[in-house]
């Protein structure tokens, strides 16, 4: 079993290496047929069927998520799924989308209505981490919640997706959170909103799987699902296989990110913190951007470590999800700056 795992790993590395663009001084990668032929000839203890399975698993694994082995062809397009709608830090709305599909606009409108009914919301965060979907047509509907003017957004295999403006709910830019598990229509939604200037993308690069998929039958009865024509922005920029790069990169260990995603206030050490050692000095949280802006505006003092000093009271839970915390800080800081009183035109500090 260990040797079979080694074979799979070897073939995965070879398949991945064949995709890389090598410089002039780099040696050419061996061909897949050459390596597989030598393994068949000289590697003892494996049947041809075992080697074929290892080769297929390694190749598909290296090409994932743009290639998948599926049991049923033409999988149904999944409906929209909104996993969470809540408020952070008293006034920042948060919408977590799991699937970009039919009905997403209605879910967002209803969630927005509920979140804004009980208090003042200074901004809204769209969380598309771990989100997917293959329904690109609904992106035009969702974009209409933020973009006022009709305009082309995407080109999906020759089909133009346009902004549908009927209910513009948000007037401010929206922080959109993404990671390596943001795929398909979720990638395209993030890219389209940024393309129209209404979104700022935070987190890590996406999967690079925004494409029109095709299923091809195999002799085994299974199907090989391959990402074909890439989805493009209206200006012709393809969204795959290139990965969507964030405007603000927030690097998080993959295991840690999953834990923070499940519990953004998680206080137990994450795997990365545990690996760094346990002899760490516990410090108070450093001030975020919103804290510093508020302190300057209200004249609050800072202590020796630069932490804003306030009156003693119940401690507020610390938002520890690095990506989400960055988005919340951004919206709260923008709100403070936006609401700050402006100097009149006649004041000495005003210049035309």
Protein backbone atom coordinates (compact mmCIF):
# COMPACT_ATOMS: atom_id res chain seq x y z
CA UNK A 1 0.00 0.00 0.00
CA UNK A 2 2.87 2.33 0.85
CA UNK A 3 4.50 1.65 -2.50
CA UNK A 4 1.27 2.32 -4.34
CA UNK A 5 0.95 5.65 -2.53
CA UNK A 6 4.50 6.48 -3.57
CA UNK A 7 3.64 5.70 -7.19
CA UNK A 8 0.59 7.96 -7.07
CA UNK A 9 2.67 10.75 -5.56
CA UNK A 10 5.36 10.32 -8.22
CA UNK A 11 2.88 10.47 -11.05
CA UNK A 12 1.17 13.48 -9.50
CA UNK A 13 4.45 15.36 -9.33
CA UNK A 14 5.26 14.45 -12.94
CA UNK A 15 1.85 15.54 -14.14
CA UNK A 16 2.10 18.84 -12.27
CA UNK A 17 5.63 19.42 -13.56
CA UNK A 18 4.43 18.98 -17.12
CA UNK A 19 2.07 21.94 -16.63
CA UNK A 20 4.75 24.36 -15.47
CA UNK A 21 6.40 26.77 -17.85
CA UNK A 22 10.09 26.00 -17.74
CA UNK A 23 12.82 28.54 -18.34
CA UNK A 24 15.41 28.14 -21.08
CA UNK A 25 17.93 26.62 -18.65
CA UNK A 26 15.49 24.15 -17.05
CA UNK A 27 15.57 20.54 -18.31
CA UNK A 28 12.54 19.27 -20.18
CA UNK A 29 10.11 17.24 -18.07
CA UNK A 30 9.86 13.52 -18.93
CA UNK A 31 6.79 12.46 -20.85
CA UNK A 32 3.98 10.66 -19.09
CA UNK A 33 4.15 7.69 -21.47
CA UNK A 34 7.89 7.30 -20.89
CA UNK A 35 7.58 7.23 -17.11
CA UNK A 36 4.56 4.92 -17.11
CA UNK A 37 6.30 2.58 -19.57
CA UNK A 38 9.37 2.30 -17.33
CA UNK A 39 7.21 1.66 -14.29
CA UNK A 40 5.34 -1.11 -16.09
CA UNK A 41 8.63 -2.66 -17.11
CA UNK A 42 10.69 -2.45 -13.94
CA UNK A 43 8.47 -1.80 -10.89
CA UNK A 44 7.72 -5.17 -9.27
CA UNK A 45 4.70 -6.02 -7.18
CA UNK A 46 2.11 -4.07 -9.17
CA UNK A 47 -0.33 -5.32 -11.77
CA UNK A 48 -1.00 -3.28 -14.94
CA UNK A 49 -4.45 -2.48 -13.51
CA UNK A 50 -2.93 -1.05 -10.32
CA UNK A 51 -0.51 1.09 -12.28
CA UNK A 52 -3.32 2.35 -14.53
CA UNK A 53 -5.38 3.30 -11.46
CA UNK A 54 -2.42 5.07 -9.88
CA UNK A 55 -1.68 6.91 -13.11
CA UNK A 56 -5.31 8.06 -13.50
CA UNK A 57 -5.60 9.16 -9.87
CA UNK A 58 -2.29 11.03 -10.05
CA UNK A 59 -3.15 12.78 -13.31
CA UNK A 60 -6.66 13.80 -12.27
CA UNK A 61 -5.38 14.89 -8.86
CA UNK A 62 -2.77 17.14 -10.47
CA UNK A 63 -5.37 18.72 -12.77
CA UNK A 64 -8.09 19.17 -10.16
CA UNK A 65 -10.31 21.23 -9.95
CA UNK A 66 -10.38 21.62 -13.74
CA UNK A 67 -10.74 17.86 -14.26
CA UNK A 68 -12.93 15.52 -12.22
CA UNK A 69 -14.02 11.89 -12.39
CA UNK A 70 -17.78 11.67 -11.84
CA UNK A 71 -20.32 8.87 -11.71
CA UNK A 72 -23.27 10.62 -13.33
CA UNK A 73 -23.13 12.88 -16.35
CA UNK A 74 -24.94 16.20 -16.62
CA UNK A 75 -25.20 16.78 -12.88
CA UNK A 76 -28.12 19.11 -12.12
CA UNK A 77 -27.29 22.76 -11.54
CA UNK A 78 -27.62 23.30 -7.80
CA UNK A 79 -29.94 25.98 -6.44
CA UNK A 80 -28.55 28.88 -4.43
CA UNK A 81 -27.55 28.29 -0.86
CA UNK A 82 -26.98 31.03 1.73
CA UNK A 83 -25.36 29.44 4.78
CA UNK A 84 -25.26 32.38 7.14
CA UNK A 85 -26.52 35.94 7.60
CA UNK A 86 -25.45 37.78 10.76
CA UNK A 87 -23.99 41.00 12.15
CA UNK A 88 -20.42 41.40 13.40
CA UNK A 89 -19.11 44.18 15.63
CA UNK A 90 -22.64 45.60 16.07
CA UNK A 91 -22.95 47.14 12.61
CA UNK A 92 -21.24 45.05 9.89
CA UNK A 93 -23.49 42.72 7.93
CA UNK A 94 -22.16 39.32 6.89
CA UNK A 95 -23.56 37.05 4.17
CA UNK A 96 -22.00 33.63 3.61
CA UNK A 97 -22.82 32.09 0.23
CA UNK A 98 -22.29 28.35 -0.25
CA UNK A 99 -23.66 27.94 -3.77
CA UNK A 100 -24.13 30.54 -6.52
CA UNK A 101 -27.29 29.33 -8.20
CA UNK A 102 -30.89 30.08 -9.06
CA UNK A 103 -32.65 32.11 -6.39
CA UNK A 104 -29.54 33.71 -4.92
CA UNK A 105 -30.78 37.25 -5.48
CA UNK A 106 -33.99 36.61 -3.53
CA UNK A 107 -32.03 35.07 -0.65
CA UNK A 108 -29.69 38.08 -0.49
CA UNK A 109 -32.55 40.59 -0.62
CA UNK A 110 -34.38 38.86 2.24
CA UNK A 111 -31.19 38.53 4.32
CA UNK A 112 -30.39 42.21 3.75
CA UNK A 113 -33.89 43.17 4.86
CA UNK A 114 -33.55 41.18 8.08
CA UNK A 115 -30.07 42.47 8.92
CA UNK A 116 -30.93 46.13 8.37
CA UNK A 117 -34.29 46.01 10.15
CA UNK A 118 -32.83 45.91 13.66
CA UNK A 119 -30.09 48.54 13.36
CA UNK A 120 -27.71 50.62 11.31
CA UNK A 121 -25.42 48.58 9.05
CA UNK A 122 -22.30 50.40 7.84
CA UNK A 123 -21.40 47.77 5.24
CA UNK A 124 -21.88 44.21 4.07
CA UNK A 125 -19.33 41.40 3.69
CA UNK A 126 -19.82 38.68 1.05
CA UNK A 127 -18.07 35.47 2.07
CA UNK A 128 -17.44 33.23 -0.96
CA UNK A 129 -14.81 31.03 0.67
CA UNK A 130 -15.53 27.34 -0.06
CA UNK A 131 -18.34 28.46 -2.39
CA UNK A 132 -19.04 27.07 -5.85
CA UNK A 133 -21.79 26.71 -8.43
CA UNK A 134 -22.19 26.46 -12.19
CA UNK A 135 -25.11 28.83 -12.80
CA UNK A 136 -23.41 31.86 -14.32
CA UNK A 137 -26.65 33.45 -15.53
CA UNK A 138 -27.69 34.46 -11.99
CA UNK A 139 -24.57 36.64 -11.64
CA UNK A 140 -26.28 39.37 -13.66
CA UNK A 141 -29.19 39.37 -11.20
CA UNK A 142 -26.93 39.53 -8.14
CA UNK A 143 -24.77 42.27 -9.67
CA UNK A 144 -27.92 44.35 -10.07
CA UNK A 145 -28.05 44.66 -6.28
CA UNK A 146 -24.88 46.76 -6.38
CA UNK A 147 -24.46 48.08 -9.94
CA UNK A 148 -26.87 50.80 -11.02
CA UNK A 149 -26.40 50.84 -14.79
CA UNK A 150 -27.02 47.91 -17.17
CA UNK A 151 -23.75 46.70 -18.64
CA UNK A 152 -22.13 43.50 -19.92
CA UNK A 153 -20.39 41.47 -17.22
CA UNK A 154 -19.30 38.08 -18.49
CA UNK A 155 -18.86 36.00 -21.62
CA UNK A 156 -19.79 32.37 -20.91
CA UNK A 157 -18.96 30.31 -23.99
CA UNK A 158 -20.41 33.00 -26.25
CA UNK A 159 -23.35 33.88 -23.99
CA UNK A 160 -23.15 37.45 -22.67
CA UNK A 161 -24.23 37.90 -19.05
CA UNK A 162 -25.39 41.47 -18.34
CA UNK A 163 -26.18 43.45 -15.19
CA UNK A 164 -29.88 43.40 -14.42
CA UNK A 165 -30.67 46.53 -12.43
CA UNK A 166 -33.95 46.33 -10.57
CA UNK A 167 -33.19 46.52 -6.86
CA UNK A 168 -29.97 48.31 -5.97
CA UNK A 169 -29.51 47.69 -2.24
CA UNK A 170 -25.86 48.55 -1.59
CA UNK A 171 -24.29 51.90 -2.38
CA UNK A 172 -20.85 51.08 -0.95
CA UNK A 173 -18.07 48.75 -2.14
CA UNK A 174 -18.45 45.23 -0.76
CA UNK A 175 -15.53 43.22 0.64
CA UNK A 176 -15.68 39.77 -0.99
CA UNK A 177 -13.80 36.95 0.76
CA UNK A 178 -12.28 34.16 -1.36
CA UNK A 179 -9.81 31.28 -1.05
CA UNK A 180 -8.42 28.30 -2.99
CA UNK A 181 -11.77 26.52 -2.58
CA UNK A 182 -13.73 29.32 -4.26
CA UNK A 183 -14.69 27.77 -7.59
CA UNK A 184 -16.81 28.19 -10.71
CA UNK A 185 -19.66 30.68 -10.55
CA UNK A 186 -18.47 31.93 -7.14
CA UNK A 187 -15.16 32.96 -8.74
CA UNK A 188 -17.00 34.63 -11.60
CA UNK A 189 -19.27 36.53 -9.20
CA UNK A 190 -16.30 37.93 -7.28
CA UNK A 191 -14.49 38.86 -10.49
CA UNK A 192 -17.59 40.48 -12.03
CA UNK A 193 -18.29 42.65 -8.97
CA UNK A 194 -14.69 43.83 -8.89
CA UNK A 195 -14.80 44.44 -12.65
CA UNK A 196 -17.68 46.88 -12.13
CA UNK A 197 -15.85 48.63 -9.28
CA UNK A 198 -18.22 47.65 -6.47
CA UNK A 199 -16.14 44.96 -4.73
CA UNK A 200 -12.78 44.59 -3.07
CA UNK A 201 -11.49 41.01 -2.95
CA UNK A 202 -9.73 39.79 0.20
CA UNK A 203 -8.14 36.46 1.09
CA UNK A 204 -6.21 34.05 -1.08
CA UNK A 205 -6.23 33.24 -4.79
CA UNK A 206 -9.17 31.20 -6.09
CA UNK A 207 -9.29 27.76 -7.73
CA UNK A 208 -9.18 28.94 -11.35
CA UNK A 209 -12.16 26.76 -12.37
CA UNK A 210 -14.61 29.28 -13.84
CA UNK A 211 -15.39 27.54 -17.12
CA UNK A 212 -18.09 25.78 -19.11
CA UNK A 213 -17.89 22.09 -18.20
CA UNK A 214 -18.30 19.09 -20.51
CA UNK A 215 -18.76 15.43 -19.55
CA UNK A 216 -17.14 12.68 -21.62
CA UNK A 217 -18.12 9.00 -21.17
CA UNK A 218 -15.49 6.43 -20.23
CA UNK A 219 -15.42 2.67 -20.81
CA UNK A 220 -15.78 2.15 -17.04
CA UNK A 221 -19.24 3.75 -17.10
CA UNK A 222 -17.95 6.87 -15.40
CA UNK A 223 -17.53 10.31 -16.93
CA UNK A 224 -14.54 12.61 -17.18
CA UNK A 225 -15.71 16.16 -16.45
CA UNK A 226 -13.40 18.68 -18.11
CA UNK A 227 -13.41 22.46 -17.85
CA UNK A 228 -13.62 23.64 -21.44
CA UNK A 229 -14.16 27.21 -22.62
CA UNK A 230 -13.10 29.61 -19.85
CA UNK A 231 -15.53 32.18 -18.53
CA UNK A 232 -14.34 35.67 -19.49
CA UNK A 233 -14.98 39.14 -18.20
CA UNK A 234 -16.72 41.50 -20.60
CA UNK A 235 -13.33 42.98 -21.54
CA UNK A 236 -12.11 39.55 -22.70
CA UNK A 237 -10.02 38.63 -19.64
CA UNK A 238 -10.30 34.85 -19.00
CA UNK A 239 -10.96 33.72 -15.43
CA UNK A 240 -9.45 30.26 -15.85
CA UNK A 241 -7.09 28.49 -15.68
CA UNK A 242 -5.62 31.66 -14.17
CA UNK A 243 -6.58 32.06 -10.54
CA UNK A 244 -8.37 35.19 -9.39
CA UNK A 245 -5.91 37.22 -7.32
CA UNK A 246 -7.18 39.18 -4.30
CA UNK A 247 -6.81 42.94 -3.96
CA UNK A 248 -5.74 42.44 -0.35
CA UNK A 249 -3.92 39.15 0.21
CA UNK A 250 -4.40 37.60 3.64
CA UNK A 251 -2.35 34.42 3.92
CA UNK A 252 -3.82 31.81 6.26
CA UNK A 253 -2.80 28.20 6.80
CA UNK A 254 -5.41 25.95 5.13
CA UNK A 255 -6.19 24.01 8.31
CA UNK A 256 -6.42 27.21 10.36
CA UNK A 257 -8.70 28.84 7.80
CA UNK A 258 -11.19 25.99 8.01
CA UNK A 259 -11.30 26.30 11.81
CA UNK A 260 -11.80 30.07 11.66
CA UNK A 261 -14.46 29.62 9.00
CA UNK A 262 -16.38 27.33 11.34
CA UNK A 263 -15.85 29.60 14.37
CA UNK A 264 -14.50 33.12 13.70
CA UNK A 265 -14.09 33.71 17.46
CA UNK A 266 -12.14 30.51 18.03
CA UNK A 267 -9.77 30.93 20.99
CA UNK A 268 -8.01 27.54 21.04
CA UNK A 269 -4.57 27.44 19.36
CA UNK A 270 -4.73 26.64 15.66
CA UNK A 271 -2.49 23.98 14.07
CA UNK A 272 -0.13 26.70 12.83
CA UNK A 273 0.11 28.22 16.31
CA UNK A 274 0.71 24.79 17.84
CA UNK A 275 3.48 24.09 15.31
CA UNK A 276 5.11 27.41 16.20
CA UNK A 277 5.53 26.23 19.79
CA UNK A 278 3.70 26.59 23.06
CA UNK A 279 6.10 29.02 24.78
CA UNK A 280 4.31 32.06 23.46
CA UNK A 281 3.67 35.22 25.45
CA UNK A 282 -0.01 36.08 25.58
CA UNK A 283 -0.57 39.65 24.43
CA UNK A 284 -3.58 41.83 24.23
CA UNK A 285 -4.98 42.21 20.72
CA UNK A 286 -3.27 44.90 18.71
CA UNK A 287 -5.54 47.76 17.64
CA UNK A 288 -7.13 47.46 14.24
CA UNK A 289 -7.63 50.24 11.71
CA UNK A 290 -11.04 51.15 13.09
CA UNK A 291 -9.67 51.40 16.64
CA UNK A 292 -6.92 53.80 15.60
CA UNK A 293 -9.23 56.03 13.57
CA UNK A 294 -11.76 56.14 16.41
CA UNK A 295 -9.07 56.88 19.00
CA UNK A 296 -7.78 59.82 16.98
CA UNK A 297 -11.26 61.17 16.40
CA UNK A 298 -12.40 60.84 20.02
CA UNK A 299 -9.09 61.75 21.63
CA UNK A 300 -8.66 58.38 23.34
CA UNK A 301 -5.13 57.70 24.66
CA UNK A 302 -2.90 54.82 23.60
CA UNK A 303 -0.85 52.84 26.10
CA UNK A 304 2.83 51.85 25.74
CA UNK A 305 1.95 49.03 23.33
CA UNK A 306 -0.24 51.20 21.15
CA UNK A 307 -3.46 49.66 22.46
CA UNK A 308 -6.46 51.97 22.81
CA UNK A 309 -7.33 52.42 26.48
CA UNK A 310 -11.02 52.47 27.31
CA UNK A 311 -13.17 52.37 30.38
CA UNK A 312 -13.23 49.00 32.07
CA UNK A 313 -16.21 46.89 31.07
CA UNK A 314 -17.23 43.47 29.74
CA UNK A 315 -14.63 42.25 27.26
CA UNK A 316 -15.85 42.00 23.68
CA UNK A 317 -15.04 38.67 21.97
CA UNK A 318 -12.08 39.05 19.65
CA UNK A 319 -12.75 38.26 16.00
CA UNK A 320 -9.84 35.93 15.18
CA UNK A 321 -10.62 34.93 11.59
CA UNK A 322 -7.85 36.97 9.87
CA UNK A 323 -9.66 37.44 6.54
CA UNK A 324 -13.03 38.31 8.03
CA UNK A 325 -11.45 40.58 10.66
CA UNK A 326 -9.63 42.50 7.92
CA UNK A 327 -12.89 43.02 6.02
CA UNK A 328 -14.75 44.16 9.16
CA UNK A 329 -11.95 46.58 10.06
CA UNK A 330 -12.02 47.98 6.53
CA UNK A 331 -15.77 48.67 6.58
CA UNK A 332 -15.75 50.19 10.07
CA UNK A 333 -12.80 52.42 9.20
CA UNK A 334 -14.49 53.63 6.02
CA UNK A 335 -17.66 54.35 7.98
CA UNK A 336 -15.79 56.44 10.57
CA UNK A 337 -14.02 58.43 7.86
CA UNK A 338 -17.24 58.86 5.88
CA UNK A 339 -19.18 60.10 8.93
CA UNK A 340 -16.45 62.42 10.19
CA UNK A 341 -17.42 66.12 10.03
CA UNK A 342 -15.87 67.91 7.08
CA UNK A 343 -14.27 71.32 7.22
CA UNK A 344 -16.37 74.05 5.57
CA UNK A 345 -15.10 75.62 2.37
CA UNK A 346 -14.26 78.84 4.23
CA UNK A 347 -12.01 77.16 6.79
CA UNK A 348 -8.25 77.94 6.65
CA UNK A 349 -7.41 74.32 5.85
CA UNK A 350 -9.59 74.15 2.75
CA UNK A 351 -7.99 74.51 -0.65
CA UNK A 352 -9.56 74.33 -4.04
